[in-house]
Amino acid sequence: MKNKLAIKQLPQHVLGKLKFFVHDREGATAIEYAVIAGLISIALLTAAGPIGTRIGTLMGAIKSAIGA
């Protein structure tokens, strides 16, 4: 009998959890921070290629200048 009662209360329980999730702002804030961190990571990775090439060229010039 207890099991049947629990099954009948399941939709109410799920609805209550859904209402809490919709009104919970902490989850949305965490997702926003994750999106911002992802965008910053993409920007850094995009900038790393040209910077790495320039540093490689500079190191090559220094190597040539010191005769190594």
PDB file of N, CA and C in Angstrom:
ATOM      1  N   MET A   1       0.823  -1.189   0.000  1.00  0.00           N
ATOM      2  CA  MET A   1       0.000   0.000   0.000  1.00  0.00           C
ATOM      3  C   MET A   1       0.877   1.268   0.000  1.00  0.00           C
ATOM      4  N   LYS A   2       1.964   1.217   0.724  1.00  0.00           N
ATOM      5  CA  LYS A   2       2.863   2.361   0.802  1.00  0.00           C
ATOM      6  C   LYS A   2       3.463   2.670  -0.575  1.00  0.00           C
ATOM      7  N   ASN A   3       3.758   1.638  -1.347  1.00  0.00           N
ATOM      8  CA  ASN A   3       4.334   1.808  -2.663  1.00  0.00           C
ATOM      9  C   ASN A   3       3.361   2.519  -3.600  1.00  0.00           C
ATOM     10  N   LYS A   4       2.058   2.168  -3.542  1.00  0.00           N
ATOM     11  CA  LYS A   4       1.055   2.818  -4.377  1.00  0.00           C
ATOM     12  C   LYS A   4       0.912   4.287  -4.014  1.00  0.00           C
ATOM     13  N   LEU A   5       0.997   4.588  -2.758  1.00  0.00           N
ATOM     14  CA  LEU A   5       0.910   5.968  -2.309  1.00  0.00           C
ATOM     15  C   LEU A   5       2.094   6.770  -2.834  1.00  0.00           C
ATOM     16  N   ALA A   6       3.270   6.166  -2.800  1.00  0.00           N
ATOM     17  CA  ALA A   6       4.472   6.845  -3.292  1.00  0.00           C
ATOM     18  C   ALA A   6       4.369   7.103  -4.788  1.00  0.00           C
ATOM     19  N   ILE A   7       3.810   6.159  -5.539  1.00  0.00           N
ATOM     20  CA  ILE A   7       3.655   6.337  -6.982  1.00  0.00           C
ATOM     21  C   ILE A   7       2.665   7.463  -7.273  1.00  0.00           C
ATOM     22  N   LYS A   8       1.606   7.564  -6.501  1.00  0.00           N
ATOM     23  CA  LYS A   8       0.635   8.634  -6.703  1.00  0.00           C
ATOM     24  C   LYS A   8       1.236   9.998  -6.385  1.00  0.00           C
ATOM     25  N   GLN A   9       2.166  10.051  -5.444  1.00  0.00           N
ATOM     26  CA  GLN A   9       2.780  11.322  -5.052  1.00  0.00           C
ATOM     27  C   GLN A   9       3.949  11.707  -5.957  1.00  0.00           C
ATOM     28  N   LEU A  10       4.375  10.813  -6.824  1.00  0.00           N
ATOM     29  CA  LEU A  10       5.525  11.082  -7.686  1.00  0.00           C
ATOM     30  C   LEU A  10       5.329  12.308  -8.571  1.00  0.00           C
ATOM     31  N   PRO A  11       4.183  12.451  -9.266  1.00  0.00           N
ATOM     32  CA  PRO A  11       4.017  13.665 -10.085  1.00  0.00           C
ATOM     33  C   PRO A  11       4.102  14.943  -9.260  1.00  0.00           C
ATOM     34  N   GLN A  12       3.549  14.941  -8.053  1.00  0.00           N
ATOM     35  CA  GLN A  12       3.623  16.126  -7.201  1.00  0.00           C
ATOM     36  C   GLN A  12       5.062  16.395  -6.799  1.00  0.00           C
ATOM     37  N   HIS A  13       5.800  15.347  -6.499  1.00  0.00           N
ATOM     38  CA  HIS A  13       7.199  15.494  -6.113  1.00  0.00           C
ATOM     39  C   HIS A  13       8.027  16.060  -7.270  1.00  0.00           C
ATOM     40  N   VAL A  14       7.810  15.506  -8.461  1.00  0.00           N
ATOM     41  CA  VAL A  14       8.542  15.973  -9.640  1.00  0.00           C
ATOM     42  C   VAL A  14       8.178  17.418  -9.948  1.00  0.00           C
ATOM     43  N   LEU A  15       6.906  17.751  -9.851  1.00  0.00           N
ATOM     44  CA  LEU A  15       6.465  19.119 -10.098  1.00  0.00           C
ATOM     45  C   LEU A  15       7.088  20.088  -9.092  1.00  0.00           C
ATOM     46  N   GLY A  16       7.154  19.679  -7.837  1.00  0.00           N
ATOM     47  CA  GLY A  16       7.785  20.515  -6.820  1.00  0.00           C
ATOM     48  C   GLY A  16       9.260  20.747  -7.113  1.00  0.00           C
ATOM     49  N   LYS A  17       9.957  19.686  -7.527  1.00  0.00           N
ATOM     50  CA  LYS A  17      11.380  19.819  -7.877  1.00  0.00           C
ATOM     51  C   LYS A  17      11.554  20.715  -9.100  1.00  0.00           C
ATOM     52  N   LEU A  18      10.659  20.599 -10.075  1.00  0.00           N
ATOM     53  CA  LEU A  18      10.730  21.419 -11.275  1.00  0.00           C
ATOM     54  C   LEU A  18      10.521  22.890 -10.941  1.00  0.00           C
ATOM     55  N   LYS A  19       9.557  23.186 -10.081  1.00  0.00           N
ATOM     56  CA  LYS A  19       9.328  24.569  -9.658  1.00  0.00           C
ATOM     57  C   LYS A  19      10.557  25.131  -8.949  1.00  0.00           C
ATOM     58  N   PHE A  20      11.160  24.316  -8.082  1.00  0.00           N
ATOM     59  CA  PHE A  20      12.373  24.753  -7.379  1.00  0.00           C
ATOM     60  C   PHE A  20      13.499  25.027  -8.369  1.00  0.00           C
ATOM     61  N   PHE A  21      13.663  24.149  -9.358  1.00  0.00           N
ATOM     62  CA  PHE A  21      14.720  24.309 -10.352  1.00  0.00           C
ATOM     63  C   PHE A  21      14.520  25.574 -11.173  1.00  0.00           C
ATOM     64  N   VAL A  22      13.287  25.873 -11.546  1.00  0.00           N
ATOM     65  CA  VAL A  22      12.988  27.056 -12.356  1.00  0.00           C
ATOM     66  C   VAL A  22      13.287  28.330 -11.576  1.00  0.00           C
ATOM     67  N   HIS A  23      12.995  28.330 -10.282  1.00  0.00           N
ATOM     68  CA  HIS A  23      13.177  29.533  -9.475  1.00  0.00           C
ATOM     69  C   HIS A  23      14.570  29.630  -8.846  1.00  0.00           C
ATOM     70  N   ASP A  24      15.378  28.594  -8.972  1.00  0.00           N
ATOM     71  CA  ASP A  24      16.717  28.594  -8.374  1.00  0.00           C
ATOM     72  C   ASP A  24      17.669  29.368  -9.270  1.00  0.00           C
ATOM     73  N   ARG A  25      18.205  30.470  -8.777  1.00  0.00           N
ATOM     74  CA  ARG A  25      19.114  31.308  -9.559  1.00  0.00           C
ATOM     75  C   ARG A  25      20.570  30.863  -9.454  1.00  0.00           C
ATOM     76  N   GLU A  26      20.908  30.070  -8.449  1.00  0.00           N
ATOM     77  CA  GLU A  26      22.295  29.651  -8.279  1.00  0.00           C
ATOM     78  C   GLU A  26      22.756  28.772  -9.429  1.00  0.00           C
ATOM     79  N   GLY A  27      21.900  27.910  -9.904  1.00  0.00           N
ATOM     80  CA  GLY A  27      22.249  27.056 -11.035  1.00  0.00           C
ATOM     81  C   GLY A  27      22.491  27.867 -12.290  1.00  0.00           C
ATOM     82  N   ALA A  28      21.659  28.871 -12.518  1.00  0.00           N
ATOM     83  CA  ALA A  28      21.822  29.738 -13.678  1.00  0.00           C
ATOM     84  C   ALA A  28      23.130  30.514 -13.580  1.00  0.00           C
ATOM     85  N   THR A  29      23.470  30.968 -12.405  1.00  0.00           N
ATOM     86  CA  THR A  29      24.722  31.704 -12.225  1.00  0.00           C
ATOM     87  C   THR A  29      25.917  30.803 -12.506  1.00  0.00           C
ATOM     88  N   ALA A  30      25.883  29.577 -12.048  1.00  0.00           N
ATOM     89  CA  ALA A  30      26.973  28.647 -12.298  1.00  0.00           C
ATOM     90  C   ALA A  30      27.122  28.377 -13.790  1.00  0.00           C
ATOM     91  N   ILE A  31      26.010  28.242 -14.484  1.00  0.00           N
ATOM     92  CA  ILE A  31      26.060  28.021 -15.933  1.00  0.00           C
ATOM     93  C   ILE A  31      26.627  29.246 -16.633  1.00  0.00           C
ATOM     94  N   GLU A  32      26.244  30.424 -16.200  1.00  0.00           N
ATOM     95  CA  GLU A  32      26.772  31.653 -16.798  1.00  0.00           C
ATOM     96  C   GLU A  32      28.282  31.735 -16.612  1.00  0.00           C
ATOM     97  N   TYR A  33      28.774  31.414 -15.420  1.00  0.00           N
ATOM     98  CA  TYR A  33      30.213  31.432 -15.189  1.00  0.00           C
ATOM     99  C   TYR A  33      30.919  30.389 -16.048  1.00  0.00           C
ATOM    100  N   ALA A  34      30.307  29.240 -16.239  1.00  0.00           N
ATOM    101  CA  ALA A  34      30.905  28.203 -17.077  1.00  0.00           C
ATOM    102  C   ALA A  34      30.990  28.662 -18.536  1.00  0.00           C
ATOM    103  N   VAL A  35      29.965  29.343 -19.006  1.00  0.00           N
ATOM    104  CA  VAL A  35      29.980  29.858 -20.379  1.00  0.00           C
ATOM    105  C   VAL A  35      31.063  30.922 -20.534  1.00  0.00           C
ATOM    106  N   ILE A  36      31.169  31.808 -19.557  1.00  0.00           N
ATOM    107  CA  ILE A  36      32.205  32.846 -19.602  1.00  0.00           C
ATOM    108  C   ILE A  36      33.596  32.219 -19.599  1.00  0.00           C
ATOM    109  N   ALA A  37      33.817  31.223 -18.737  1.00  0.00           N
ATOM    110  CA  ALA A  37      35.115  30.552 -18.687  1.00  0.00           C
ATOM    111  C   ALA A  37      35.417  29.858 -20.014  1.00  0.00           C
ATOM    112  N   GLY A  38      34.413  29.267 -20.627  1.00  0.00           N
ATOM    113  CA  GLY A  38      34.601  28.624 -21.925  1.00  0.00           C
ATOM    114  C   GLY A  38      34.980  29.619 -23.004  1.00  0.00           C
ATOM    115  N   LEU A  39      34.321  30.768 -23.009  1.00  0.00           N
ATOM    116  CA  LEU A  39      34.640  31.793 -24.007  1.00  0.00           C
ATOM    117  C   LEU A  39      36.043  32.352 -23.808  1.00  0.00           C
ATOM    118  N   ILE A  40      36.448  32.544 -22.563  1.00  0.00           N
ATOM    119  CA  ILE A  40      37.806  33.019 -22.287  1.00  0.00           C
ATOM    120  C   ILE A  40      38.822  31.982 -22.753  1.00  0.00           C
ATOM    121  N   SER A  41      38.533  30.703 -22.519  1.00  0.00           N
ATOM    122  CA  SER A  41      39.440  29.640 -22.959  1.00  0.00           C
ATOM    123  C   SER A  41      39.582  29.635 -24.469  1.00  0.00           C
ATOM    124  N   ILE A  42      38.483  29.801 -25.178  1.00  0.00           N
ATOM    125  CA  ILE A  42      38.537  29.839 -26.642  1.00  0.00           C
ATOM    126  C   ILE A  42      39.365  31.035 -27.110  1.00  0.00           C
ATOM    127  N   ALA A  43      39.185  32.186 -26.469  1.00  0.00           N
ATOM    128  CA  ALA A  43      39.949  33.376 -26.842  1.00  0.00           C
ATOM    129  C   ALA A  43      41.442  33.164 -26.607  1.00  0.00           C
ATOM    130  N   LEU A  44      41.790  32.554 -25.483  1.00  0.00           N
ATOM    131  CA  LEU A  44      43.205  32.300 -25.196  1.00  0.00           C
ATOM    132  C   LEU A  44      43.816  31.315 -26.183  1.00  0.00           C
ATOM    133  N   LEU A  45      43.089  30.271 -26.513  1.00  0.00           N
ATOM    134  CA  LEU A  45      43.595  29.294 -27.469  1.00  0.00           C
ATOM    135  C   LEU A  45      43.745  29.895 -28.864  1.00  0.00           C
ATOM    136  N   THR A  46      42.828  30.775 -29.221  1.00  0.00           N
ATOM    137  CA  THR A  46      42.910  31.440 -30.525  1.00  0.00           C
ATOM    138  C   THR A  46      44.122  32.367 -30.579  1.00  0.00           C
ATOM    139  N   ALA A  47      44.394  33.055 -29.491  1.00  0.00           N
ATOM    140  CA  ALA A  47      45.523  33.988 -29.454  1.00  0.00           C
ATOM    141  C   ALA A  47      46.853  33.266 -29.299  1.00  0.00           C
ATOM    142  N   ALA A  48      46.862  32.069 -28.771  1.00  0.00           N
ATOM    143  CA  ALA A  48      48.111  31.360 -28.492  1.00  0.00           C
ATOM    144  C   ALA A  48      48.857  30.979 -29.767  1.00  0.00           C
ATOM    145  N   GLY A  49      48.151  30.685 -30.834  1.00  0.00           N
ATOM    146  CA  GLY A  49      48.800  30.287 -32.092  1.00  0.00           C
ATOM    147  C   GLY A  49      49.714  31.368 -32.641  1.00  0.00           C
ATOM    148  N   PRO A  50      49.192  32.554 -32.915  1.00  0.00           N
ATOM    149  CA  PRO A  50      50.049  33.627 -33.444  1.00  0.00           C
ATOM    150  C   PRO A  50      51.152  34.052 -32.468  1.00  0.00           C
ATOM    151  N   ILE A  51      50.836  34.058 -31.183  1.00  0.00           N
ATOM    152  CA  ILE A  51      51.857  34.436 -30.192  1.00  0.00           C
ATOM    153  C   ILE A  51      52.972  33.405 -30.186  1.00  0.00           C
ATOM    154  N   GLY A  52      52.627  32.138 -30.247  1.00  0.00           N
ATOM    155  CA  GLY A  52      53.632  31.076 -30.287  1.00  0.00           C
ATOM    156  C   GLY A  52      54.517  31.179 -31.515  1.00  0.00           C
ATOM    157  N   THR A  53      53.933  31.516 -32.641  1.00  0.00           N
ATOM    158  CA  THR A  53      54.715  31.685 -33.875  1.00  0.00           C
ATOM    159  C   THR A  53      55.693  32.840 -33.735  1.00  0.00           C
ATOM    160  N   ARG A  54      55.234  33.936 -33.167  1.00  0.00           N
ATOM    161  CA  ARG A  54      56.117  35.101 -32.982  1.00  0.00           C
ATOM    162  C   ARG A  54      57.257  34.778 -32.021  1.00  0.00           C
ATOM    163  N   ILE A  55      56.946  34.076 -30.945  1.00  0.00           N
ATOM    164  CA  ILE A  55      57.989  33.718 -29.981  1.00  0.00           C
ATOM    165  C   ILE A  55      58.990  32.770 -30.633  1.00  0.00           C
ATOM    166  N   GLY A  56      58.511  31.841 -31.441  1.00  0.00           N
ATOM    167  CA  GLY A  56      59.407  30.927 -32.154  1.00  0.00           C
ATOM    168  C   GLY A  56      60.339  31.670 -33.094  1.00  0.00           C
ATOM    169  N   THR A  57      59.815  32.643 -33.799  1.00  0.00           N
ATOM    170  CA  THR A  57      60.630  33.468 -34.699  1.00  0.00           C
ATOM    171  C   THR A  57      61.665  34.259 -33.911  1.00  0.00           C
ATOM    172  N   LEU A  58      61.247  34.833 -32.786  1.00  0.00           N
ATOM    173  CA  LEU A  58      62.157  35.600 -31.936  1.00  0.00           C
ATOM    174  C   LEU A  58      63.277  34.711 -31.393  1.00  0.00           C
ATOM    175  N   MET A  59      62.929  33.513 -30.935  1.00  0.00           N
ATOM    176  CA  MET A  59      63.946  32.592 -30.416  1.00  0.00           C
ATOM    177  C   MET A  59      64.909  32.161 -31.517  1.00  0.00           C
ATOM    178  N   GLY A  60      64.389  31.974 -32.709  1.00  0.00           N
ATOM    179  CA  GLY A  60      65.260  31.633 -33.845  1.00  0.00           C
ATOM    180  C   GLY A  60      66.234  32.763 -34.145  1.00  0.00           C
ATOM    181  N   ALA A  61      65.747  34.009 -34.081  1.00  0.00           N
ATOM    182  CA  ALA A  61      66.624  35.166 -34.324  1.00  0.00           C
ATOM    183  C   ALA A  61      67.687  35.279 -33.243  1.00  0.00           C
ATOM    184  N   ILE A  62      67.303  35.042 -31.998  1.00  0.00           N
ATOM    185  CA  ILE A  62      68.274  35.086 -30.893  1.00  0.00           C
ATOM    186  C   ILE A  62      69.304  33.979 -31.061  1.00  0.00           C
ATOM    187  N   LYS A  63      68.870  32.798 -31.442  1.00  0.00           N
ATOM    188  CA  LYS A  63      69.770  31.664 -31.650  1.00  0.00           C
ATOM    189  C   LYS A  63      70.770  31.989 -32.746  1.00  0.00           C
ATOM    190  N   SER A  64      70.302  32.588 -33.830  1.00  0.00           N
ATOM    191  CA  SER A  64      71.201  32.971 -34.932  1.00  0.00           C
ATOM    192  C   SER A  64      72.181  34.053 -34.485  1.00  0.00           C
ATOM    193  N   ALA A  65      71.686  34.995 -33.683  1.00  0.00           N
ATOM    194  CA  ALA A  65      72.540  36.108 -33.259  1.00  0.00           C
ATOM    195  C   ALA A  65      73.664  35.655 -32.334  1.00  0.00           C
ATOM    196  N   ILE A  66      73.409  34.669 -31.482  1.00  0.00           N
ATOM    197  CA  ILE A  66      74.462  34.216 -30.568  1.00  0.00           C
ATOM    198  C   ILE A  66      75.279  33.081 -31.176  1.00  0.00           C
ATOM    199  N   GLY A  67      74.884  32.647 -32.347  1.00  0.00           N
ATOM    200  CA  GLY A  67      75.668  31.622 -33.045  1.00  0.00           C
ATOM    201  C   GLY A  67      75.517  30.232 -32.482  1.00  0.00           C
ATOM    202  N   ALA A  68      74.419  29.935 -31.889  1.00  0.00           N
ATOM    203  CA  ALA A  68      74.234  28.610 -31.319  1.00  0.00           C
ATOM    204  C   ALA A  68      73.689  27.633 -32.327  1.00  0.00           C
TER     205      ALA A  68
END
